[in-house]
Protein backbone atom coordinates (compact mmCIF):
# COMPACT_ATOMS: atom_id res chain seq x y z
CA UNK A 1 100.63 10.70 22.49
CA UNK A 2 102.29 12.11 25.57
CA UNK A 3 100.19 12.46 28.72
CA UNK A 4 100.47 16.26 28.78
CA UNK A 5 99.45 16.56 25.12
CA UNK A 6 96.42 14.35 25.70
CA UNK A 7 95.37 16.33 28.76
CA UNK A 8 95.67 19.60 26.87
CA UNK A 9 93.75 18.36 23.83
CA UNK A 10 90.94 16.70 25.80
CA UNK A 11 89.51 19.80 27.42
CA UNK A 12 87.18 19.96 30.39
CA UNK A 13 84.53 21.49 28.14
CA UNK A 14 84.65 18.59 25.68
CA UNK A 15 84.27 16.09 28.50
CA UNK A 16 81.30 17.96 29.96
CA UNK A 17 79.58 18.17 26.58
CA UNK A 18 80.03 14.46 25.82
CA UNK A 19 79.04 13.33 29.32
CA UNK A 20 75.93 15.52 29.31
CA UNK A 21 74.78 13.92 26.05
CA UNK A 22 75.51 10.38 27.24
CA UNK A 23 73.82 10.82 30.62
CA UNK A 24 70.62 11.91 28.89
CA UNK A 25 70.59 9.43 26.01
CA UNK A 26 71.90 6.36 27.85
CA UNK A 27 71.14 7.09 31.49
CA UNK A 28 73.49 8.02 34.30
CA UNK A 29 73.84 4.50 35.71
CA UNK A 30 74.60 2.99 32.30
CA UNK A 31 77.50 5.35 31.67
CA UNK A 32 80.99 4.92 33.09
CA UNK A 33 84.10 7.04 32.87
CA UNK A 34 85.42 4.40 30.48
CA UNK A 35 82.43 4.73 28.15
CA UNK A 36 82.74 8.54 28.16
CA UNK A 37 86.40 8.20 27.24
CA UNK A 38 85.56 5.76 24.45
CA UNK A 39 82.91 8.14 23.13
CA UNK A 40 85.55 10.86 22.94
CA UNK A 41 88.20 8.53 21.48
CA UNK A 42 90.46 8.63 24.54
CA UNK A 43 91.32 6.28 27.37
CA UNK A 44 89.26 6.82 30.51
CA UNK A 45 92.47 7.65 32.36
CA UNK A 46 92.67 10.98 30.55
CA UNK A 47 89.33 12.00 32.08
CA UNK A 48 90.68 11.61 35.61
CA UNK A 49 93.02 14.52 35.01
CA UNK A 50 89.90 16.74 35.13
CA UNK A 51 87.46 14.73 37.29
CA UNK A 52 88.12 12.26 40.10
CA UNK A 53 84.91 10.27 39.55
CA UNK A 54 81.66 10.15 37.60
CA UNK A 55 79.68 11.86 40.38
CA UNK A 56 82.05 14.83 40.35
CA UNK A 57 81.69 15.06 36.57
CA UNK A 58 77.90 15.03 36.81
CA UNK A 59 77.85 17.71 39.49
CA UNK A 60 80.15 19.88 37.36
CA UNK A 61 77.57 19.63 34.56
CA UNK A 62 74.78 20.65 36.94
CA UNK A 63 76.74 23.65 38.25
CA UNK A 64 77.65 24.81 34.75
CA UNK A 65 74.14 24.51 33.35
CA UNK A 66 72.38 26.25 36.23
CA UNK A 67 75.00 28.98 36.12
CA UNK A 68 74.32 29.54 32.43
CA UNK A 69 70.54 29.66 32.96
CA UNK A 70 70.95 32.15 35.80
CA UNK A 71 73.11 34.38 33.62
CA UNK A 72 70.46 34.24 30.87
CA UNK A 73 67.71 35.27 33.29
CA UNK A 74 69.81 38.06 34.77
CA UNK A 75 70.69 39.20 31.27
CA UNK A 76 67.03 39.73 30.45
CA UNK A 77 66.55 41.86 33.54
CA UNK A 78 69.58 44.06 32.85
CA UNK A 79 69.04 44.29 29.09
CA UNK A 80 67.17 47.03 27.23
CA UNK A 81 63.42 47.29 27.62
CA UNK A 82 61.10 46.65 24.67
CA UNK A 83 57.69 47.98 23.74
CA UNK A 84 56.51 44.52 22.75
CA UNK A 85 57.06 42.69 26.08
CA UNK A 86 57.18 43.47 29.78
CA UNK A 87 60.15 42.38 31.87
CA UNK A 88 58.16 39.49 33.29
CA UNK A 89 57.12 38.31 29.84
CA UNK A 90 60.73 38.50 28.68
CA UNK A 91 61.82 36.49 31.72
CA UNK A 92 59.32 33.72 31.00
CA UNK A 93 60.18 33.65 27.30
CA UNK A 94 63.88 33.42 28.11
CA UNK A 95 63.24 30.47 30.40
CA UNK A 96 61.28 28.71 27.65
CA UNK A 97 63.97 29.54 25.10
CA UNK A 98 66.67 28.05 27.30
CA UNK A 99 64.70 24.83 27.81
CA UNK A 100 63.88 24.25 24.16
CA UNK A 101 67.24 25.29 22.75
CA UNK A 102 69.19 23.29 25.38
CA UNK A 103 67.00 20.20 25.89
CA UNK A 104 69.77 17.91 27.20
CA UNK A 105 70.73 20.45 29.83
CA UNK A 106 67.12 21.12 30.79
CA UNK A 107 66.27 17.45 31.20
CA UNK A 108 69.18 16.95 33.58
CA UNK A 109 68.35 20.12 35.52
CA UNK A 110 64.59 19.79 35.91
CA UNK A 111 63.29 16.47 34.60
CA UNK A 112 65.44 13.70 36.07
CA UNK A 113 63.64 11.20 38.31
CA UNK A 114 66.73 9.41 39.56
CA UNK A 115 66.99 10.06 43.30
CA UNK A 116 70.78 9.92 43.25
CA UNK A 117 70.90 12.57 40.55
CA UNK A 118 68.24 14.70 42.23
CA UNK A 119 70.51 14.92 45.24
CA UNK A 120 73.02 16.75 43.04
CA UNK A 121 70.40 18.99 41.45
CA UNK A 122 68.21 20.11 44.35
CA UNK A 123 70.44 22.79 45.82
CA UNK A 124 71.06 24.33 42.39
CA UNK A 125 67.35 24.11 41.56
CA UNK A 126 66.56 26.00 44.75
CA UNK A 127 69.02 28.77 43.94
CA UNK A 128 67.67 29.10 40.42
CA UNK A 129 64.04 29.15 41.55
CA UNK A 130 64.79 31.78 44.16
CA UNK A 131 66.41 33.96 41.50
CA UNK A 132 63.39 33.43 39.24
CA UNK A 133 60.99 34.25 42.11
CA UNK A 134 62.89 37.36 43.20
CA UNK A 135 62.80 38.76 39.65
CA UNK A 136 59.05 38.07 39.33
CA UNK A 137 58.26 39.58 42.74
CA UNK A 138 60.18 42.69 41.77
CA UNK A 139 57.75 43.29 38.91
CA UNK A 140 54.45 42.46 40.58
CA UNK A 141 51.82 45.17 40.88
CA UNK A 142 51.82 45.86 44.61
CA UNK A 143 48.16 46.94 44.66
CA UNK A 144 46.94 43.78 42.92
CA UNK A 145 48.73 41.22 45.11
CA UNK A 146 48.60 40.22 48.75
CA UNK A 147 51.64 39.04 50.64
CA UNK A 148 50.46 35.47 50.12
CA UNK A 149 50.05 35.85 46.36
CA UNK A 150 53.50 37.45 46.11
CA UNK A 151 54.83 34.15 47.41
CA UNK A 152 52.63 31.88 45.27
CA UNK A 153 52.68 33.69 41.91
CA UNK A 154 56.36 33.05 41.09
CA UNK A 155 55.96 29.31 41.70
CA UNK A 156 52.77 29.22 39.62
CA UNK A 157 54.57 30.94 36.77
CA UNK A 158 57.53 28.61 37.01
CA UNK A 159 55.34 25.50 36.99
CA UNK A 160 53.42 26.82 33.99
CA UNK A 161 56.48 27.55 31.85
CA UNK A 162 58.11 24.30 33.01
CA UNK A 163 55.04 22.40 31.80
CA UNK A 164 55.24 24.18 28.45
CA UNK A 165 58.92 23.30 28.04
CA UNK A 166 58.39 19.70 29.16
CA UNK A 167 55.66 19.21 26.56
CA UNK A 168 57.54 20.72 23.63
CA UNK A 169 60.87 19.05 24.47
CA UNK A 170 59.20 15.80 23.46
CA UNK A 171 58.43 17.33 20.05
CA UNK A 172 62.13 18.17 19.58
CA UNK A 173 61.45 21.69 18.35
CA UNK A 174 63.49 24.85 18.78
CA UNK A 175 62.21 27.97 20.48
CA UNK A 176 61.92 29.84 17.17
CA UNK A 177 59.79 27.07 15.70
CA UNK A 178 57.11 27.47 18.36
CA UNK A 179 57.73 31.10 19.30
CA UNK A 180 54.11 32.22 18.60
CA UNK A 181 52.79 29.50 20.93
CA UNK A 182 55.31 30.52 23.61
CA UNK A 183 54.35 34.19 23.35
CA UNK A 184 50.65 33.33 23.56
CA UNK A 185 51.21 31.11 26.58
CA UNK A 186 53.24 33.74 28.42
CA UNK A 187 50.74 36.51 27.74
CA UNK A 188 47.83 34.41 28.99
CA UNK A 189 49.77 33.65 32.18
CA UNK A 190 50.58 37.28 32.84
CA UNK A 191 47.05 38.47 32.14
CA UNK A 192 45.45 35.83 34.37
CA UNK A 193 47.81 36.58 37.24
CA UNK A 194 47.31 40.35 36.97
CA UNK A 195 50.90 41.04 36.06
CA UNK A 196 51.89 44.28 34.29
CA UNK A 197 50.70 44.22 30.67
CA UNK A 198 52.92 44.91 27.69
CA UNK A 199 52.08 47.73 25.33
CA UNK A 200 50.82 45.56 22.48
């Protein structure tokens, strides 16, 4: 097959999807550009048309996944309101949904322990957490929170939903399968932190 035809057929998106899966299941250090190419049924040379090296490929995955999560969170805040949930509850449920329905992405983004990989993730983690915190702070009851708690509550909420996702990822369940548990968890968090209550 001609070089141009190969490059057109082997899309950037296909490479990212395959590499994401291999990095999680086999480990970043165990995977090479050659092994990614073999997994896709192409020579590793065809990957270099899109990515100069493995590190660049990994960082592209990180950027893409954090961008998608941020768009999901922003989508909740700009979407229609519901009588069942407050904005904050919807935000937390959306975060849990993302983690459980995209476990490979979530593990790379928030659960890797490899210092080399963390170096690629930290800046994107910070941006995502600041977005999360700014949305939460925007919906806090001013009278019920001090300046200090306005800083600490968003992190407490993030750590709580992260723990929930981390636990259920091991069970390999989808968000819909454990939706009642997620809703219960989120409502307990919001009640205990004196966040606005939904009209249930």
